[in-house]
């Protein structure tokens, strides 16, 4: 049985390959002990995208899994008017997503996000 780290890394690789298939230049950031604010950076048509991939058990994502450096990165990206920072979630075999700003807003009032609160994968495809 795979541990959570391996499952998460597998999802990152799967999502990076999906982005490549969509014609994006993709870099999957290596996991470092110091952490990084996102897992994948990508570009297409002179647009920058950042993705944080999360694998979830059940239908709930606990906001305690959001790291401070991820919110700090969001603040910096907002200053330069970049709003292409996304959290991408895999619930069993279903992929959902949201803008990082949604996470920031939810952190003010909640401790978790339900799968049904997130946008469908088809909506993400339109943004790319």
Protein backbone atom coordinates (compact mmCIF):
# COMPACT_ATOMS: atom_id res chain seq x y z
CA UNK A 1 0.00 0.00 0.00
CA UNK A 2 1.33 3.43 -0.94
CA UNK A 3 1.80 6.06 1.75
CA UNK A 4 0.30 9.55 1.49
CA UNK A 5 3.55 11.10 0.24
CA UNK A 6 3.84 8.64 -2.64
CA UNK A 7 0.14 9.04 -3.53
CA UNK A 8 0.54 12.84 -3.53
CA UNK A 9 3.68 12.67 -5.69
CA UNK A 10 1.89 10.37 -8.15
CA UNK A 11 -0.95 12.89 -8.46
CA UNK A 12 1.52 15.74 -9.06
CA UNK A 13 3.16 13.77 -11.87
CA UNK A 14 -0.22 12.84 -13.36
CA UNK A 15 -1.36 16.47 -13.32
CA UNK A 16 1.95 17.72 -14.76
CA UNK A 17 1.58 15.30 -17.68
CA UNK A 18 -1.99 16.49 -18.24
CA UNK A 19 -0.74 20.10 -18.45
CA UNK A 20 2.00 19.09 -20.89
CA UNK A 21 -0.62 17.41 -23.06
CA UNK A 22 -2.47 20.75 -23.08
CA UNK A 23 0.58 22.39 -24.65
CA UNK A 24 1.99 23.98 -21.53
CA UNK A 25 5.63 24.21 -20.49
CA UNK A 26 5.57 22.52 -17.09
CA UNK A 27 8.01 22.26 -14.21
CA UNK A 28 7.20 19.99 -11.27
CA UNK A 29 9.10 21.49 -8.35
CA UNK A 30 11.13 19.01 -6.33
CA UNK A 31 10.03 18.41 -2.76
CA UNK A 32 12.39 20.18 -0.41
CA UNK A 33 12.57 20.16 3.37
CA UNK A 34 12.15 23.93 3.38
CA UNK A 35 8.97 23.60 1.36
CA UNK A 36 7.75 25.49 -1.66
CA UNK A 37 4.49 27.37 -2.07
CA UNK A 38 3.28 25.26 -4.99
CA UNK A 39 4.01 21.93 -6.64
CA UNK A 40 3.88 22.85 -10.31
CA UNK A 41 4.55 25.97 -12.32
CA UNK A 42 3.51 26.18 -15.95
CA UNK A 43 3.35 28.68 -18.77
CA UNK A 44 1.40 28.96 -21.98
CA UNK A 45 0.88 31.92 -24.30
CA UNK A 46 2.93 34.18 -21.99
CA UNK A 47 0.72 33.37 -18.99
CA UNK A 48 2.09 32.04 -15.71
CA UNK A 49 0.25 29.37 -13.72
CA UNK A 50 1.01 27.88 -10.32
CA UNK A 51 -0.65 24.73 -8.98
CA UNK A 52 -0.73 23.13 -5.56
CA UNK A 53 -1.88 19.51 -5.83
CA UNK A 54 -3.70 17.83 -2.95
CA UNK A 55 -4.85 14.23 -2.74
CA UNK A 56 -7.87 13.80 -0.49
CA UNK A 57 -9.48 10.84 1.22
CA UNK A 58 -13.24 11.04 1.39
CA UNK A 59 -15.06 14.20 0.31
CA UNK A 60 -13.40 16.76 2.59
CA UNK A 61 -10.19 18.78 2.43
CA UNK A 62 -8.95 19.98 5.80
CA UNK A 63 -7.70 23.56 5.63
CA UNK A 64 -5.10 22.67 8.26
CA UNK A 65 -3.16 21.20 5.32
CA UNK A 66 -2.66 24.67 3.82
CA UNK A 67 0.81 25.94 4.62
CA UNK A 68 1.74 29.49 5.56
CA UNK A 69 4.21 29.76 2.67
CA UNK A 70 1.33 29.03 0.27
CA UNK A 71 -0.64 32.00 1.58
CA UNK A 72 2.49 34.18 1.52
CA UNK A 73 2.99 33.27 -2.15
CA UNK A 74 -0.63 34.18 -2.86
CA UNK A 75 -0.12 37.63 -1.31
CA UNK A 76 2.96 38.21 -3.47
CA UNK A 77 1.19 37.04 -6.62
CA UNK A 78 -1.77 39.31 -5.86
CA UNK A 79 0.62 42.29 -5.64
CA UNK A 80 1.76 41.66 -9.20
CA UNK A 81 -1.83 41.08 -10.33
CA UNK A 82 -1.34 37.38 -11.06
CA UNK A 83 -4.42 35.38 -10.16
CA UNK A 84 -3.45 32.10 -11.81
CA UNK A 85 -2.59 30.27 -8.59
CA UNK A 86 -4.77 27.19 -8.18
CA UNK A 87 -5.28 24.38 -5.73
CA UNK A 88 -6.10 21.13 -7.53
CA UNK A 89 -7.67 18.29 -5.56
CA UNK A 90 -8.01 14.61 -6.35
CA UNK A 91 -10.89 12.90 -4.58
CA UNK A 92 -10.66 9.20 -5.49
CA UNK A 93 -10.80 9.48 -9.29
CA UNK A 94 -12.45 12.90 -9.49
CA UNK A 95 -10.41 16.08 -9.89
CA UNK A 96 -11.71 19.45 -8.64
CA UNK A 97 -10.03 22.82 -8.25
CA UNK A 98 -10.27 26.37 -6.92
CA UNK A 99 -8.28 29.55 -7.10
CA UNK A 100 -5.94 30.02 -4.16
CA UNK A 101 -7.95 33.13 -3.26
CA UNK A 102 -10.91 30.85 -2.43
CA UNK A 103 -8.70 29.00 0.07
CA UNK A 104 -7.60 32.29 1.61
CA UNK A 105 -11.23 33.40 2.03
CA UNK A 106 -12.34 30.02 3.45
CA UNK A 107 -9.56 30.08 6.04
CA UNK A 108 -11.24 33.10 7.63
CA UNK A 109 -14.44 31.20 8.43
CA UNK A 110 -14.01 27.44 8.06
CA UNK A 111 -11.72 24.53 8.84
CA UNK A 112 -12.61 22.41 5.83
CA UNK A 113 -13.83 22.45 2.27
CA UNK A 114 -16.28 19.93 0.87
CA UNK A 115 -15.71 18.50 -2.59
CA UNK A 116 -18.98 19.95 -3.86
CA UNK A 117 -17.81 23.50 -3.01
CA UNK A 118 -15.00 23.18 -5.54
CA UNK A 119 -15.16 23.76 -9.27
CA UNK A 120 -15.33 20.90 -11.75
CA UNK A 121 -12.28 19.84 -13.71
CA UNK A 122 -14.02 20.89 -16.93
CA UNK A 123 -14.01 24.50 -15.69
CA UNK A 124 -10.24 24.32 -15.22
CA UNK A 125 -9.77 23.10 -18.78
CA UNK A 126 -11.49 26.28 -20.01
CA UNK A 127 -9.06 28.48 -18.07
CA UNK A 128 -6.01 26.81 -19.56
